[in-house]
Amino acid sequence: MNQLRRHHISFRHAFEGISNAVTTQPNFKIHILFSLLAVWAGIYFRIAVYEWLFLSLTIFIGLGFELINTAIEHVVDLVTKDIVWKPNLPKIPPQVPCSSTPSEQSW
């Protein structure tokens, strides 16, 4: 029973994180919009099963990278609000995962 409760709490936190990203992050909304557009295009053009596999994999990897980017941005915001820092240093950690999102979608 205790292990089931831990899984329930983990799923609750995961869904709260996704809900937070959808409500607060404009880039995540854009990713959702283009993902739905790609799914609609796949239905319209009747793509093959293996193409659905690649499309869904690309969508989930892209959304996953966007969630990782959001988490890193929040951590950087928490750390740099109390510290006087060099001007460009807080921009670097969020830019690294952000730059991985377009590159992984181009494969």
PDB file of N, CA and C in Angstrom:
ATOM      1  N   MET A   1       0.816  -1.200   0.000  1.00  0.00           N
ATOM      2  CA  MET A   1       0.000   0.000   0.000  1.00  0.00           C
ATOM      3  C   MET A   1       0.862   1.267   0.000  1.00  0.00           C
ATOM      4  N   ASN A   2       1.963   1.207   0.757  1.00  0.00           N
ATOM      5  CA  ASN A   2       2.835   2.373   0.845  1.00  0.00           C
ATOM      6  C   ASN A   2       3.470   2.682  -0.507  1.00  0.00           C
ATOM      7  N   GLN A   3       3.849   1.631  -1.244  1.00  0.00           N
ATOM      8  CA  GLN A   3       4.466   1.841  -2.558  1.00  0.00           C
ATOM      9  C   GLN A   3       3.449   2.401  -3.548  1.00  0.00           C
ATOM     10  N   LEU A   4       2.217   1.950  -3.469  1.00  0.00           N
ATOM     11  CA  LEU A   4       1.170   2.489  -4.327  1.00  0.00           C
ATOM     12  C   LEU A   4       0.952   3.970  -4.045  1.00  0.00           C
ATOM     13  N   ARG A   5       1.004   4.356  -2.798  1.00  0.00           N
ATOM     14  CA  ARG A   5       0.840   5.769  -2.429  1.00  0.00           C
ATOM     15  C   ARG A   5       1.989   6.615  -2.983  1.00  0.00           C
ATOM     16  N   ARG A   6       3.206   6.063  -2.944  1.00  0.00           N
ATOM     17  CA  ARG A   6       4.348   6.804  -3.484  1.00  0.00           C
ATOM     18  C   ARG A   6       4.192   7.024  -4.984  1.00  0.00           C
ATOM     19  N   HIS A   7       3.700   6.008  -5.698  1.00  0.00           N
ATOM     20  CA  HIS A   7       3.481   6.162  -7.134  1.00  0.00           C
ATOM     21  C   HIS A   7       2.384   7.176  -7.401  1.00  0.00           C
ATOM     22  N   HIS A   8       1.351   7.163  -6.589  1.00  0.00           N
ATOM     23  CA  HIS A   8       0.258   8.137  -6.746  1.00  0.00           C
ATOM     24  C   HIS A   8       0.784   9.551  -6.561  1.00  0.00           C
ATOM     25  N   ILE A   9       1.624   9.748  -5.562  1.00  0.00           N
ATOM     26  CA  ILE A   9       2.200  11.077  -5.314  1.00  0.00           C
ATOM     27  C   ILE A   9       3.106  11.482  -6.476  1.00  0.00           C
ATOM     28  N   SER A  10       3.887  10.540  -7.001  1.00  0.00           N
ATOM     29  CA  SER A  10       4.771  10.847  -8.125  1.00  0.00           C
ATOM     30  C   SER A  10       3.979  11.273  -9.357  1.00  0.00           C
ATOM     31  N   PHE A  11       2.895  10.535  -9.655  1.00  0.00           N
ATOM     32  CA  PHE A  11       2.068  10.903 -10.800  1.00  0.00           C
ATOM     33  C   PHE A  11       1.388  12.245 -10.581  1.00  0.00           C
ATOM     34  N   ARG A  12       0.966  12.504  -9.362  1.00  0.00           N
ATOM     35  CA  ARG A  12       0.327  13.791  -9.072  1.00  0.00           C
ATOM     36  C   ARG A  12       1.308  14.936  -9.311  1.00  0.00           C
ATOM     37  N   HIS A  13       2.541  14.773  -8.850  1.00  0.00           N
ATOM     38  CA  HIS A  13       3.554  15.813  -9.069  1.00  0.00           C
ATOM     39  C   HIS A  13       3.854  15.973 -10.558  1.00  0.00           C
ATOM     40  N   ALA A  14       3.892  14.868 -11.277  1.00  0.00           N
ATOM     41  CA  ALA A  14       4.162  14.942 -12.719  1.00  0.00           C
ATOM     42  C   ALA A  14       3.053  15.712 -13.436  1.00  0.00           C
ATOM     43  N   PHE A  15       1.803  15.414 -13.120  1.00  0.00           N
ATOM     44  CA  PHE A  15       0.705  16.119 -13.768  1.00  0.00           C
ATOM     45  C   PHE A  15       0.634  17.584 -13.356  1.00  0.00           C
ATOM     46  N   GLU A  16       1.010  17.880 -12.109  1.00  0.00           N
ATOM     47  CA  GLU A  16       1.073  19.284 -11.686  1.00  0.00           C
ATOM     48  C   GLU A  16       2.158  20.027 -12.458  1.00  0.00           C
ATOM     49  N   GLY A  17       3.273  19.362 -12.725  1.00  0.00           N
ATOM     50  CA  GLY A  17       4.348  19.983 -13.505  1.00  0.00           C
ATOM     51  C   GLY A  17       3.925  20.262 -14.939  1.00  0.00           C
ATOM     52  N   ILE A  18       3.237  19.301 -15.547  1.00  0.00           N
ATOM     53  CA  ILE A  18       2.751  19.513 -16.916  1.00  0.00           C
ATOM     54  C   ILE A  18       1.708  20.622 -16.941  1.00  0.00           C
ATOM     55  N   SER A  19       0.828  20.634 -15.947  1.00  0.00           N
ATOM     56  CA  SER A  19      -0.183  21.691 -15.860  1.00  0.00           C
ATOM     57  C   SER A  19       0.471  23.059 -15.688  1.00  0.00           C
ATOM     58  N   ASN A  20       1.507  23.116 -14.875  1.00  0.00           N
ATOM     59  CA  ASN A  20       2.236  24.368 -14.682  1.00  0.00           C
ATOM     60  C   ASN A  20       2.872  24.829 -15.982  1.00  0.00           C
ATOM     61  N   ALA A  21       3.468  23.900 -16.725  1.00  0.00           N
ATOM     62  CA  ALA A  21       4.109  24.265 -17.992  1.00  0.00           C
ATOM     63  C   ALA A  21       3.079  24.758 -19.001  1.00  0.00           C
ATOM     64  N   VAL A  22       1.921  24.107 -19.053  1.00  0.00           N
ATOM     65  CA  VAL A  22       0.883  24.516 -20.008  1.00  0.00           C
ATOM     66  C   VAL A  22       0.339  25.902 -19.658  1.00  0.00           C
ATOM     67  N   THR A  23       0.167  26.175 -18.383  1.00  0.00           N
ATOM     68  CA  THR A  23      -0.448  27.449 -17.994  1.00  0.00           C
ATOM     69  C   THR A  23       0.531  28.616 -17.944  1.00  0.00           C
ATOM     70  N   THR A  24       1.825  28.341 -17.730  1.00  0.00           N
ATOM     71  CA  THR A  24       2.759  29.462 -17.537  1.00  0.00           C
ATOM     72  C   THR A  24       3.774  29.650 -18.659  1.00  0.00           C
ATOM     73  N   GLN A  25       3.978  28.650 -19.497  1.00  0.00           N
ATOM     74  CA  GLN A  25       5.043  28.728 -20.497  1.00  0.00           C
ATOM     75  C   GLN A  25       4.472  28.884 -21.900  1.00  0.00           C
ATOM     76  N   PRO A  26       4.664  30.043 -22.528  1.00  0.00           N
ATOM     77  CA  PRO A  26       4.138  30.230 -23.874  1.00  0.00           C
ATOM     78  C   PRO A  26       4.781  29.300 -24.905  1.00  0.00           C
ATOM     79  N   ASN A  27       6.060  28.976 -24.738  1.00  0.00           N
ATOM     80  CA  ASN A  27       6.717  28.073 -25.700  1.00  0.00           C
ATOM     81  C   ASN A  27       6.122  26.674 -25.642  1.00  0.00           C
ATOM     82  N   PHE A  28       5.720  26.228 -24.452  1.00  0.00           N
ATOM     83  CA  PHE A  28       5.111  24.910 -24.335  1.00  0.00           C
ATOM     84  C   PHE A  28       3.765  24.886 -25.063  1.00  0.00           C
ATOM     85  N   LYS A  29       3.025  25.982 -24.978  1.00  0.00           N
ATOM     86  CA  LYS A  29       1.756  26.072 -25.702  1.00  0.00           C
ATOM     87  C   LYS A  29       1.988  26.009 -27.214  1.00  0.00           C
ATOM     88  N   ILE A  30       3.049  26.641 -27.673  1.00  0.00           N
ATOM     89  CA  ILE A  30       3.378  26.603 -29.100  1.00  0.00           C
ATOM     90  C   ILE A  30       3.751  25.178 -29.515  1.00  0.00           C
ATOM     91  N   HIS A  31       4.516  24.469 -28.670  1.00  0.00           N
ATOM     92  CA  HIS A  31       4.859  23.084 -28.964  1.00  0.00           C
ATOM     93  C   HIS A  31       3.603  22.219 -29.041  1.00  0.00           C
ATOM     94  N   ILE A  32       2.677  22.428 -28.128  1.00  0.00           N
ATOM     95  CA  ILE A  32       1.415  21.669 -28.147  1.00  0.00           C
ATOM     96  C   ILE A  32       0.652  21.964 -29.436  1.00  0.00           C
ATOM     97  N   LEU A  33       0.581  23.246 -29.809  1.00  0.00           N
ATOM     98  CA  LEU A  33      -0.148  23.633 -31.009  1.00  0.00           C
ATOM     99  C   LEU A  33       0.445  22.977 -32.258  1.00  0.00           C
ATOM    100  N   PHE A  34       1.755  23.047 -32.397  1.00  0.00           N
ATOM    101  CA  PHE A  34       2.387  22.444 -33.573  1.00  0.00           C
ATOM    102  C   PHE A  34       2.330  20.911 -33.530  1.00  0.00           C
ATOM    103  N   SER A  35       2.332  20.344 -32.341  1.00  0.00           N
ATOM    104  CA  SER A  35       2.178  18.894 -32.235  1.00  0.00           C
ATOM    105  C   SER A  35       0.796  18.469 -32.716  1.00  0.00           C
ATOM    106  N   LEU A  36      -0.230  19.207 -32.296  1.00  0.00           N
ATOM    107  CA  LEU A  36      -1.588  18.905 -32.760  1.00  0.00           C
ATOM    108  C   LEU A  36      -1.710  19.115 -34.268  1.00  0.00           C
ATOM    109  N   LEU A  37      -1.050  20.143 -34.778  1.00  0.00           N
ATOM    110  CA  LEU A  37      -1.049  20.385 -36.219  1.00  0.00           C
ATOM    111  C   LEU A  37      -0.375  19.233 -36.975  1.00  0.00           C
ATOM    112  N   ALA A  38       0.730  18.715 -36.424  1.00  0.00           N
ATOM    113  CA  ALA A  38       1.418  17.589 -37.054  1.00  0.00           C
ATOM    114  C   ALA A  38       0.556  16.327 -37.016  1.00  0.00           C
ATOM    115  N   VAL A  39      -0.145  16.102 -35.916  1.00  0.00           N
ATOM    116  CA  VAL A  39      -1.039  14.944 -35.833  1.00  0.00           C
ATOM    117  C   VAL A  39      -2.179  15.092 -36.837  1.00  0.00           C
ATOM    118  N   TRP A  40      -2.739  16.276 -36.926  1.00  0.00           N
ATOM    119  CA  TRP A  40      -3.804  16.511 -37.910  1.00  0.00           C
ATOM    120  C   TRP A  40      -3.287  16.250 -39.331  1.00  0.00           C
ATOM    121  N   ALA A  41      -2.073  16.742 -39.632  1.00  0.00           N
ATOM    122  CA  ALA A  41      -1.497  16.518 -40.961  1.00  0.00           C
ATOM    123  C   ALA A  41      -1.252  15.025 -41.206  1.00  0.00           C
ATOM    124  N   GLY A  42      -0.842  14.303 -40.168  1.00  0.00           N
ATOM    125  CA  GLY A  42      -0.646  12.866 -40.306  1.00  0.00           C
ATOM    126  C   GLY A  42      -1.948  12.139 -40.611  1.00  0.00           C
ATOM    127  N   ILE A  43      -3.033  12.575 -39.973  1.00  0.00           N
ATOM    128  CA  ILE A  43      -4.343  11.986 -40.257  1.00  0.00           C
ATOM    129  C   ILE A  43      -4.784  12.349 -41.670  1.00  0.00           C
ATOM    130  N   TYR A  44      -4.593  13.598 -42.037  1.00  0.00           N
ATOM    131  CA  TYR A  44      -5.028  14.074 -43.348  1.00  0.00           C
ATOM    132  C   TYR A  44      -4.293  13.359 -44.481  1.00  0.00           C
ATOM    133  N   PHE A  45      -2.974  13.195 -44.323  1.00  0.00           N
ATOM    134  CA  PHE A  45      -2.170  12.569 -45.370  1.00  0.00           C
ATOM    135  C   PHE A  45      -2.072  11.049 -45.224  1.00  0.00           C
ATOM    136  N   ARG A  46      -2.729  10.491 -44.226  1.00  0.00           N
ATOM    137  CA  ARG A  46      -2.766   9.039 -43.994  1.00  0.00           C
ATOM    138  C   ARG A  46      -1.360   8.434 -43.984  1.00  0.00           C
ATOM    139  N   ILE A  47      -0.553   8.908 -43.068  1.00  0.00           N
ATOM    140  CA  ILE A  47       0.823   8.427 -43.005  1.00  0.00           C
ATOM    141  C   ILE A  47       0.858   6.983 -42.492  1.00  0.00           C
ATOM    142  N   ALA A  48       1.949   6.305 -42.775  1.00  0.00           N
ATOM    143  CA  ALA A  48       2.109   4.890 -42.427  1.00  0.00           C
ATOM    144  C   ALA A  48       2.356   4.728 -40.926  1.00  0.00           C
ATOM    145  N   VAL A  49       2.286   3.493 -40.475  1.00  0.00           N
ATOM    146  CA  VAL A  49       2.441   3.199 -39.048  1.00  0.00           C
ATOM    147  C   VAL A  49       3.832   3.601 -38.549  1.00  0.00           C
ATOM    148  N   TYR A  50       4.880   3.280 -39.300  1.00  0.00           N
ATOM    149  CA  TYR A  50       6.227   3.644 -38.858  1.00  0.00           C
ATOM    150  C   TYR A  50       6.408   5.165 -38.840  1.00  0.00           C
ATOM    151  N   GLU A  51       5.705   5.889 -39.716  1.00  0.00           N
ATOM    152  CA  GLU A  51       5.768   7.355 -39.687  1.00  0.00           C
ATOM    153  C   GLU A  51       5.062   7.896 -38.453  1.00  0.00           C
ATOM    154  N   TRP A  52       3.980   7.229 -38.031  1.00  0.00           N
ATOM    155  CA  TRP A  52       3.333   7.616 -36.772  1.00  0.00           C
ATOM    156  C   TRP A  52       4.283   7.410 -35.596  1.00  0.00           C
ATOM    157  N   LEU A  53       5.047   6.346 -35.657  1.00  0.00           N
ATOM    158  CA  LEU A  53       6.020   6.073 -34.599  1.00  0.00           C
ATOM    159  C   LEU A  53       7.040   7.199 -34.500  1.00  0.00           C
ATOM    160  N   PHE A  54       7.603   7.597 -35.629  1.00  0.00           N
ATOM    161  CA  PHE A  54       8.582   8.682 -35.621  1.00  0.00           C
ATOM    162  C   PHE A  54       7.948  10.016 -35.236  1.00  0.00           C
ATOM    163  N   LEU A  55       6.737  10.261 -35.696  1.00  0.00           N
ATOM    164  CA  LEU A  55       6.051  11.508 -35.350  1.00  0.00           C
ATOM    165  C   LEU A  55       5.777  11.586 -33.850  1.00  0.00           C
ATOM    166  N   SER A  56       5.243  10.507 -33.292  1.00  0.00           N
ATOM    167  CA  SER A  56       4.942  10.526 -31.858  1.00  0.00           C
ATOM    168  C   SER A  56       6.214  10.601 -31.030  1.00  0.00           C
ATOM    169  N   LEU A  57       7.253   9.909 -31.450  1.00  0.00           N
ATOM    170  CA  LEU A  57       8.531   9.977 -30.747  1.00  0.00           C
ATOM    171  C   LEU A  57       9.093  11.398 -30.775  1.00  0.00           C
ATOM    172  N   THR A  58       9.044  12.040 -31.908  1.00  0.00           N
ATOM    173  CA  THR A  58       9.523  13.416 -32.034  1.00  0.00           C
ATOM    174  C   THR A  58       8.708  14.367 -31.167  1.00  0.00           C
ATOM    175  N   ILE A  59       7.399  14.192 -31.150  1.00  0.00           N
ATOM    176  CA  ILE A  59       6.544  15.053 -30.333  1.00  0.00           C
ATOM    177  C   ILE A  59       6.877  14.889 -28.855  1.00  0.00           C
ATOM    178  N   PHE A  60       6.959  13.641 -28.392  1.00  0.00           N
ATOM    179  CA  PHE A  60       7.216  13.420 -26.970  1.00  0.00           C
ATOM    180  C   PHE A  60       8.617  13.849 -26.555  1.00  0.00           C
ATOM    181  N   ILE A  61       9.596  13.651 -27.410  1.00  0.00           N
ATOM    182  CA  ILE A  61      10.952  14.114 -27.084  1.00  0.00           C
ATOM    183  C   ILE A  61      10.990  15.641 -27.044  1.00  0.00           C
ATOM    184  N   GLY A  62      10.333  16.288 -28.004  1.00  0.00           N
ATOM    185  CA  GLY A  62      10.300  17.753 -28.012  1.00  0.00           C
ATOM    186  C   GLY A  62       9.621  18.324 -26.785  1.00  0.00           C
ATOM    187  N   LEU A  63       8.486  17.738 -26.396  1.00  0.00           N
ATOM    188  CA  LEU A  63       7.794  18.212 -25.197  1.00  0.00           C
ATOM    189  C   LEU A  63       8.611  17.915 -23.946  1.00  0.00           C
ATOM    190  N   GLY A  64       9.300  16.780 -23.940  1.00  0.00           N
ATOM    191  CA  GLY A  64      10.154  16.452 -22.802  1.00  0.00           C
ATOM    192  C   GLY A  64      11.301  17.431 -22.637  1.00  0.00           C
ATOM    193  N   PHE A  65      11.942  17.791 -23.750  1.00  0.00           N
ATOM    194  CA  PHE A  65      13.018  18.782 -23.674  1.00  0.00           C
ATOM    195  C   PHE A  65      12.482  20.141 -23.232  1.00  0.00           C
ATOM    196  N   GLU A  66      11.299  20.475 -23.656  1.00  0.00           N
ATOM    197  CA  GLU A  66      10.714  21.749 -23.234  1.00  0.00           C
ATOM    198  C   GLU A  66      10.426  21.737 -21.731  1.00  0.00           C
ATOM    199  N   LEU A  67       9.995  20.596 -21.190  1.00  0.00           N
ATOM    200  CA  LEU A  67       9.781  20.487 -19.745  1.00  0.00           C
ATOM    201  C   LEU A  67      11.106  20.577 -18.985  1.00  0.00           C
ATOM    202  N   ILE A  68      12.146  19.951 -19.508  1.00  0.00           N
ATOM    203  CA  ILE A  68      13.464  20.050 -18.869  1.00  0.00           C
ATOM    204  C   ILE A  68      13.955  21.490 -18.902  1.00  0.00           C
ATOM    205  N   ASN A  69      13.753  22.171 -20.027  1.00  0.00           N
ATOM    206  CA  ASN A  69      14.148  23.567 -20.143  1.00  0.00           C
ATOM    207  C   ASN A  69      13.390  24.422 -19.128  1.00  0.00           C
ATOM    208  N   THR A  70      12.107  24.175 -18.956  1.00  0.00           N
ATOM    209  CA  THR A  70      11.309  24.924 -17.992  1.00  0.00           C
ATOM    210  C   THR A  70      11.821  24.701 -16.580  1.00  0.00           C
ATOM    211  N   ALA A  71      12.155  23.446 -16.246  1.00  0.00           N
ATOM    212  CA  ALA A  71      12.676  23.151 -14.914  1.00  0.00           C
ATOM    213  C   ALA A  71      14.000  23.874 -14.665  1.00  0.00           C
ATOM    214  N   ILE A  72      14.877  23.865 -15.653  1.00  0.00           N
ATOM    215  CA  ILE A  72      16.163  24.546 -15.487  1.00  0.00           C
ATOM    216  C   ILE A  72      15.958  26.055 -15.358  1.00  0.00           C
ATOM    217  N   GLU A  73      15.042  26.623 -16.123  1.00  0.00           N
ATOM    218  CA  GLU A  73      14.765  28.054 -15.999  1.00  0.00           C
ATOM    219  C   GLU A  73      14.269  28.398 -14.606  1.00  0.00           C
ATOM    220  N   HIS A  74      13.409  27.555 -14.033  1.00  0.00           N
ATOM    221  CA  HIS A  74      12.912  27.816 -12.682  1.00  0.00           C
ATOM    222  C   HIS A  74      14.030  27.724 -11.646  1.00  0.00           C
ATOM    223  N   VAL A  75      14.925  26.759 -11.802  1.00  0.00           N
ATOM    224  CA  VAL A  75      16.052  26.634 -10.872  1.00  0.00           C
ATOM    225  C   VAL A  75      16.957  27.851 -10.971  1.00  0.00           C
ATOM    226  N   VAL A  76      17.251  28.286 -12.179  1.00  0.00           N
ATOM    227  CA  VAL A  76      18.099  29.467 -12.359  1.00  0.00           C
ATOM    228  C   VAL A  76      17.424  30.701 -11.770  1.00  0.00           C
ATOM    229  N   ASP A  77      16.117  30.818 -11.958  1.00  0.00           N
ATOM    230  CA  ASP A  77      15.397  31.949 -11.366  1.00  0.00           C
ATOM    231  C   ASP A  77      15.468  31.921  -9.843  1.00  0.00           C
ATOM    232  N   LEU A  78      15.325  30.734  -9.243  1.00  0.00           N
ATOM    233  CA  LEU A  78      15.408  30.627  -7.791  1.00  0.00           C
ATOM    234  C   LEU A  78      16.782  30.997  -7.270  1.00  0.00           C
ATOM    235  N   VAL A  79      17.824  30.570  -7.971  1.00  0.00           N
ATOM    236  CA  VAL A  79      19.188  30.814  -7.504  1.00  0.00           C
ATOM    237  C   VAL A  79      19.595  32.263  -7.696  1.00  0.00           C
ATOM    238  N   THR A  80      19.226  32.862  -8.819  1.00  0.00           N
ATOM    239  CA  THR A  80      19.755  34.188  -9.140  1.00  0.00           C
ATOM    240  C   THR A  80      18.939  35.328  -8.571  1.00  0.00           C
ATOM    241  N   LYS A  81      17.798  35.078  -7.947  1.00  0.00           N
ATOM    242  CA  LYS A  81      17.026  36.182  -7.382  1.00  0.00           C
ATOM    243  C   LYS A  81      17.687  36.762  -6.145  1.00  0.00           C
ATOM    244  N   ASP A  82      18.433  35.922  -5.405  1.00  0.00           N
ATOM    245  CA  ASP A  82      19.044  36.385  -4.165  1.00  0.00           C
ATOM    246  C   ASP A  82      20.521  36.722  -4.314  1.00  0.00           C
ATOM    247  N   ILE A  83      21.104  36.424  -5.445  1.00  0.00           N
ATOM    248  CA  ILE A  83      22.543  36.600  -5.623  1.00  0.00           C
ATOM    249  C   ILE A  83      22.791  37.666  -6.682  1.00  0.00           C
ATOM    250  N   VAL A  84      23.733  38.553  -6.397  1.00  0.00           N
ATOM    251  CA  VAL A  84      24.173  39.506  -7.412  1.00  0.00           C
ATOM    252  C   VAL A  84      25.171  38.753  -8.288  1.00  0.00           C
ATOM    253  N   TRP A  85      24.877  38.690  -9.554  1.00  0.00           N
ATOM    254  CA  TRP A  85      25.622  37.812 -10.440  1.00  0.00           C
ATOM    255  C   TRP A  85      26.137  38.593 -11.636  1.00  0.00           C
ATOM    256  N   LYS A  86      27.023  37.970 -12.407  1.00  0.00           N
ATOM    257  CA  LYS A  86      27.469  38.573 -13.647  1.00  0.00           C
ATOM    258  C   LYS A  86      26.294  38.631 -14.616  1.00  0.00           C
ATOM    259  N   PRO A  87      26.229  39.636 -15.476  1.00  0.00           N
ATOM    260  CA  PRO A  87      25.030  39.827 -16.306  1.00  0.00           C
ATOM    261  C   PRO A  87      24.670  38.648 -17.209  1.00  0.00           C
ATOM    262  N   ASN A  88      25.636  37.994 -17.843  1.00  0.00           N
ATOM    263  CA  ASN A  88      25.310  36.942 -18.807  1.00  0.00           C
ATOM    264  C   ASN A  88      25.291  35.544 -18.219  1.00  0.00           C
ATOM    265  N   LEU A  89      25.788  35.366 -16.994  1.00  0.00           N
ATOM    266  CA  LEU A  89      25.889  34.033 -16.429  1.00  0.00           C
ATOM    267  C   LEU A  89      24.537  33.347 -16.239  1.00  0.00           C
ATOM    268  N   PRO A  90      23.480  34.003 -15.745  1.00  0.00           N
ATOM    269  CA  PRO A  90      22.207  33.290 -15.584  1.00  0.00           C
ATOM    270  C   PRO A  90      21.535  32.928 -16.895  1.00  0.00           C
ATOM    271  N   LYS A  91      21.957  33.498 -18.005  1.00  0.00           N
ATOM    272  CA  LYS A  91      21.326  33.174 -19.283  1.00  0.00           C
ATOM    273  C   LYS A  91      21.844  31.867 -19.861  1.00  0.00           C
ATOM    274  N   ILE A  92      23.037  31.449 -19.450  1.00  0.00           N
ATOM    275  CA  ILE A  92      23.663  30.287 -20.076  1.00  0.00           C
ATOM    276  C   ILE A  92      22.948  28.970 -19.733  1.00  0.00           C
ATOM    277  N   PRO A  93      22.664  28.636 -18.453  1.00  0.00           N
ATOM    278  CA  PRO A  93      22.026  27.332 -18.196  1.00  0.00           C
ATOM    279  C   PRO A  93      20.692  27.122 -18.904  1.00  0.00           C
ATOM    280  N   PRO A  94      19.778  28.074 -18.984  1.00  0.00           N
ATOM    281  CA  PRO A  94      18.550  27.799 -19.720  1.00  0.00           C
ATOM    282  C   PRO A  94      18.750  27.723 -21.236  1.00  0.00           C
ATOM    283  N   GLN A  95      19.801  28.356 -21.746  1.00  0.00           N
ATOM    284  CA  GLN A  95      19.997  28.355 -23.191  1.00  0.00           C
ATOM    285  C   GLN A  95      20.491  27.006 -23.705  1.00  0.00           C
ATOM    286  N   VAL A  96      21.201  26.259 -22.864  1.00  0.00           N
ATOM    287  CA  VAL A  96      21.751  24.987 -23.319  1.00  0.00           C
ATOM    288  C   VAL A  96      20.648  23.976 -23.631  1.00  0.00           C
ATOM    289  N   PRO A  97      19.711  23.678 -22.705  1.00  0.00           N
ATOM    290  CA  PRO A  97      18.649  22.739 -23.094  1.00  0.00           C
ATOM    291  C   PRO A  97      17.707  23.331 -24.128  1.00  0.00           C
ATOM    292  N   CYS A  98      17.567  24.646 -24.127  1.00  0.00           N
ATOM    293  CA  CYS A  98      16.716  25.286 -25.128  1.00  0.00           C
ATOM    294  C   CYS A  98      17.292  25.070 -26.521  1.00  0.00           C
ATOM    295  N   SER A  99      18.614  25.066 -26.630  1.00  0.00           N
ATOM    296  CA  SER A  99      19.228  24.866 -27.935  1.00  0.00           C
ATOM    297  C   SER A  99      19.132  23.404 -28.371  1.00  0.00           C
ATOM    298  N   SER A 100      18.917  22.501 -27.423  1.00  0.00           N
ATOM    299  CA  SER A 100      18.812  21.080 -27.800  1.00  0.00           C
ATOM    300  C   SER A 100      17.439  20.769 -28.384  1.00  0.00           C
ATOM    301  N   THR A 101      16.430  21.547 -28.092  1.00  0.00           N
ATOM    302  CA  THR A 101      15.091  21.260 -28.599  1.00  0.00           C
ATOM    303  C   THR A 101      15.016  21.361 -30.124  1.00  0.00           C
ATOM    304  N   PRO A 102      15.458  22.460 -30.757  1.00  0.00           N
ATOM    305  CA  PRO A 102      15.396  22.478 -32.225  1.00  0.00           C
ATOM    306  C   PRO A 102      16.302  21.442 -32.877  1.00  0.00           C
ATOM    307  N   SER A 103      17.450  21.159 -32.269  1.00  0.00           N
ATOM    308  CA  SER A 103      18.372  20.209 -32.898  1.00  0.00           C
ATOM    309  C   SER A 103      17.817  18.794 -32.854  1.00  0.00           C
ATOM    310  N   GLU A 104      17.113  18.419 -31.777  1.00  0.00           N
ATOM    311  CA  GLU A 104      16.577  17.067 -31.741  1.00  0.00           C
ATOM    312  C   GLU A 104      15.367  16.907 -32.635  1.00  0.00           C
ATOM    313  N   GLN A 105      14.689  17.988 -32.949  1.00  0.00           N
ATOM    314  CA  GLN A 105      13.534  17.880 -33.814  1.00  0.00           C
ATOM    315  C   GLN A 105      13.930  17.884 -35.285  1.00  0.00           C
ATOM    316  N   SER A 106      15.172  18.171 -35.581  1.00  0.00           N
ATOM    317  CA  SER A 106      15.585  18.205 -36.985  1.00  0.00           C
ATOM    318  C   SER A 106      16.035  16.847 -37.494  1.00  0.00           C
ATOM    319  N   TRP A 107      16.121  15.859 -36.610  1.00  0.00           N
ATOM    320  CA  TRP A 107      16.575  14.545 -37.076  1.00  0.00           C
ATOM    321  C   TRP A 107      15.488  13.887 -37.829  1.00  0.00           C
TER     322      TRP A 107
END
